[in-house]
Amino acid sequence: MTNDCRPEFQRMIEAGTSKPALFDVVIVHSLSRFFRTGVKNIVSYLDRNHIFTRDGGRWGVG
């Protein structure tokens, strides 16, 4: 499916935006379907916060 009307997707969004939220972060492989929900990409977060791999490299999808 390529829309956000999926029941489980909506439950996830409701749980993440409830007060108090049931979780702080949703980890996704691609932001293409999640862009409008304010979800953070873990790779971008790690790189932006200078959290490097064990070898001192940058994170990526491999």
N, C-alpha and C. Protein backbone atom coordinates (compact mmCIF):
# COMPACT_ATOMS: atom_id res chain seq x y z
N MET A 1 0.84 -1.19 0.00
CA MET A 1 0.00 0.00 0.00
C MET A 1 0.88 1.25 0.00
N THR A 2 0.41 2.27 -0.62
CA THR A 2 1.22 3.49 -0.69
C THR A 2 0.51 4.68 -0.07
N ASN A 3 -0.52 4.46 0.73
CA ASN A 3 -1.17 5.61 1.38
C ASN A 3 -1.05 5.48 2.88
N ASP A 4 -1.37 6.55 3.57
CA ASP A 4 -1.24 6.53 5.03
C ASP A 4 -2.56 6.25 5.73
N CYS A 5 -3.51 5.67 5.04
CA CYS A 5 -4.81 5.35 5.64
C CYS A 5 -4.83 3.94 6.22
N ARG A 6 -3.69 3.29 6.29
CA ARG A 6 -3.61 1.95 6.86
C ARG A 6 -3.89 2.01 8.35
N PRO A 7 -4.72 1.11 8.86
CA PRO A 7 -5.09 1.15 10.29
C PRO A 7 -3.89 1.11 11.24
N GLU A 8 -2.92 0.25 10.98
CA GLU A 8 -1.76 0.15 11.89
C GLU A 8 -0.89 1.39 11.81
N PHE A 9 -0.77 1.96 10.63
CA PHE A 9 -0.02 3.22 10.48
C PHE A 9 -0.70 4.31 11.29
N GLN A 10 -2.00 4.41 11.19
CA GLN A 10 -2.74 5.43 11.95
C GLN A 10 -2.61 5.21 13.45
N ARG A 11 -2.64 3.95 13.89
CA ARG A 11 -2.46 3.65 15.33
C ARG A 11 -1.08 4.10 15.80
N MET A 12 -0.06 3.87 14.95
CA MET A 12 1.29 4.29 15.30
C MET A 12 1.37 5.81 15.44
N ILE A 13 0.79 6.53 14.49
CA ILE A 13 0.81 7.99 14.53
C ILE A 13 0.06 8.49 15.76
N GLU A 14 -1.09 7.92 16.06
CA GLU A 14 -1.85 8.33 17.24
C GLU A 14 -1.07 8.07 18.52
N ALA A 15 -0.41 6.91 18.60
CA ALA A 15 0.37 6.57 19.80
C ALA A 15 1.55 7.52 19.97
N GLY A 16 2.16 7.91 18.87
CA GLY A 16 3.32 8.79 18.94
C GLY A 16 2.99 10.25 19.18
N THR A 17 1.74 10.63 18.91
CA THR A 17 1.36 12.03 19.11
C THR A 17 0.42 12.22 20.30
N SER A 18 0.13 11.14 21.01
CA SER A 18 -0.73 11.26 22.19
C SER A 18 0.04 11.94 23.31
N LYS A 19 -0.67 12.42 24.31
CA LYS A 19 -0.06 13.07 25.47
C LYS A 19 -0.36 12.24 26.70
N PRO A 20 0.59 11.62 27.33
CA PRO A 20 1.99 11.51 26.93
C PRO A 20 2.14 10.50 25.79
N ALA A 21 3.12 10.73 24.94
CA ALA A 21 3.37 9.84 23.82
C ALA A 21 3.88 8.50 24.33
N LEU A 22 3.52 7.43 23.63
CA LEU A 22 3.97 6.10 24.03
C LEU A 22 5.41 5.84 23.61
N PHE A 23 5.94 6.66 22.72
CA PHE A 23 7.33 6.54 22.29
C PHE A 23 7.79 7.89 21.78
N ASP A 24 9.10 8.07 21.67
CA ASP A 24 9.67 9.34 21.24
C ASP A 24 10.12 9.32 19.78
N VAL A 25 10.48 8.16 19.27
CA VAL A 25 11.11 8.08 17.96
C VAL A 25 10.55 6.88 17.20
N VAL A 26 10.39 7.06 15.89
CA VAL A 26 10.07 5.97 14.98
C VAL A 26 11.27 5.85 14.05
N ILE A 27 11.87 4.68 14.00
CA ILE A 27 13.03 4.46 13.15
C ILE A 27 12.55 3.87 11.83
N VAL A 28 12.93 4.52 10.74
CA VAL A 28 12.50 4.07 9.42
C VAL A 28 13.70 3.94 8.50
N HIS A 29 13.55 3.12 7.49
CA HIS A 29 14.59 2.94 6.49
C HIS A 29 14.56 4.09 5.50
N SER A 30 13.39 4.58 5.17
CA SER A 30 13.25 5.65 4.19
C SER A 30 12.17 6.62 4.65
N LEU A 31 12.40 7.89 4.44
CA LEU A 31 11.42 8.89 4.83
C LEU A 31 10.36 9.13 3.77
N SER A 32 10.43 8.45 2.65
CA SER A 32 9.55 8.75 1.53
C SER A 32 8.07 8.70 1.89
N ARG A 33 7.67 7.78 2.74
CA ARG A 33 6.26 7.67 3.10
C ARG A 33 5.93 8.34 4.43
N PHE A 34 6.93 8.76 5.15
CA PHE A 34 6.72 9.28 6.50
C PHE A 34 7.00 10.77 6.62
N PHE A 35 7.38 11.41 5.55
CA PHE A 35 7.87 12.79 5.62
C PHE A 35 6.93 13.72 6.37
N ARG A 36 5.65 13.64 6.13
CA ARG A 36 4.72 14.59 6.74
C ARG A 36 4.39 14.28 8.19
N THR A 37 4.91 13.19 8.76
CA THR A 37 4.57 12.83 10.13
C THR A 37 5.61 13.29 11.14
N GLY A 38 6.67 13.93 10.72
CA GLY A 38 7.67 14.40 11.66
C GLY A 38 8.56 13.31 12.20
N VAL A 39 8.70 12.24 11.47
CA VAL A 39 9.54 11.12 11.90
C VAL A 39 10.99 11.45 11.58
N LYS A 40 11.89 11.05 12.45
CA LYS A 40 13.30 11.32 12.25
C LYS A 40 14.00 10.11 11.66
N ASN A 41 14.88 10.36 10.74
CA ASN A 41 15.70 9.33 10.14
C ASN A 41 16.90 9.09 11.04
N ILE A 42 17.09 7.85 11.49
CA ILE A 42 18.13 7.57 12.48
C ILE A 42 19.52 7.87 11.93
N VAL A 43 19.76 7.61 10.64
CA VAL A 43 21.07 7.88 10.05
C VAL A 43 21.37 9.37 10.09
N SER A 44 20.39 10.19 9.70
CA SER A 44 20.58 11.64 9.75
C SER A 44 20.82 12.12 11.17
N TYR A 45 20.08 11.57 12.11
CA TYR A 45 20.24 11.95 13.52
C TYR A 45 21.64 11.63 14.02
N LEU A 46 22.11 10.42 13.74
CA LEU A 46 23.44 10.02 14.20
C LEU A 46 24.53 10.89 13.58
N ASP A 47 24.43 11.12 12.28
CA ASP A 47 25.44 11.95 11.61
C ASP A 47 25.40 13.39 12.11
N ARG A 48 24.22 13.95 12.25
CA ARG A 48 24.07 15.34 12.68
C ARG A 48 24.61 15.55 14.10
N ASN A 49 24.50 14.52 14.93
CA ASN A 49 24.96 14.62 16.31
C ASN A 49 26.36 14.06 16.51
N HIS A 50 27.05 13.84 15.40
CA HIS A 50 28.45 13.39 15.43
C HIS A 50 28.62 12.10 16.22
N ILE A 51 27.68 11.19 16.02
CA ILE A 51 27.77 9.86 16.63
C ILE A 51 28.25 8.93 15.52
N PHE A 52 29.49 8.49 15.62
CA PHE A 52 30.11 7.73 14.55
C PHE A 52 30.09 6.24 14.82
N THR A 53 30.38 5.46 13.81
CA THR A 53 30.45 4.01 13.95
C THR A 53 31.66 3.64 14.80
N ARG A 54 31.77 2.39 15.16
CA ARG A 54 32.89 1.90 15.95
C ARG A 54 34.23 2.23 15.30
N ASP A 55 34.25 2.22 13.96
CA ASP A 55 35.48 2.51 13.23
C ASP A 55 35.68 4.01 12.99
N GLY A 56 34.78 4.84 13.51
CA GLY A 56 34.91 6.29 13.33
C GLY A 56 34.28 6.81 12.06
N GLY A 57 33.54 5.95 11.35
CA GLY A 57 32.92 6.37 10.09
C GLY A 57 31.52 6.91 10.29
N ARG A 58 30.95 7.35 9.18
CA ARG A 58 29.59 7.87 9.20
C ARG A 58 28.62 6.71 8.98
N TRP A 59 27.41 6.87 9.46
CA TRP A 59 26.38 5.86 9.30
C TRP A 59 25.81 5.94 7.89
N GLY A 60 25.26 4.85 7.44
CA GLY A 60 24.63 4.79 6.13
C GLY A 60 23.78 3.55 6.00
N VAL A 61 23.04 3.49 4.96
CA VAL A 61 22.21 2.32 4.68
C VAL A 61 22.99 1.43 3.74
N GLY A 62 23.27 0.23 4.18
CA GLY A 62 24.11 -0.65 3.38
C GLY A 62 23.47 -1.96 3.09
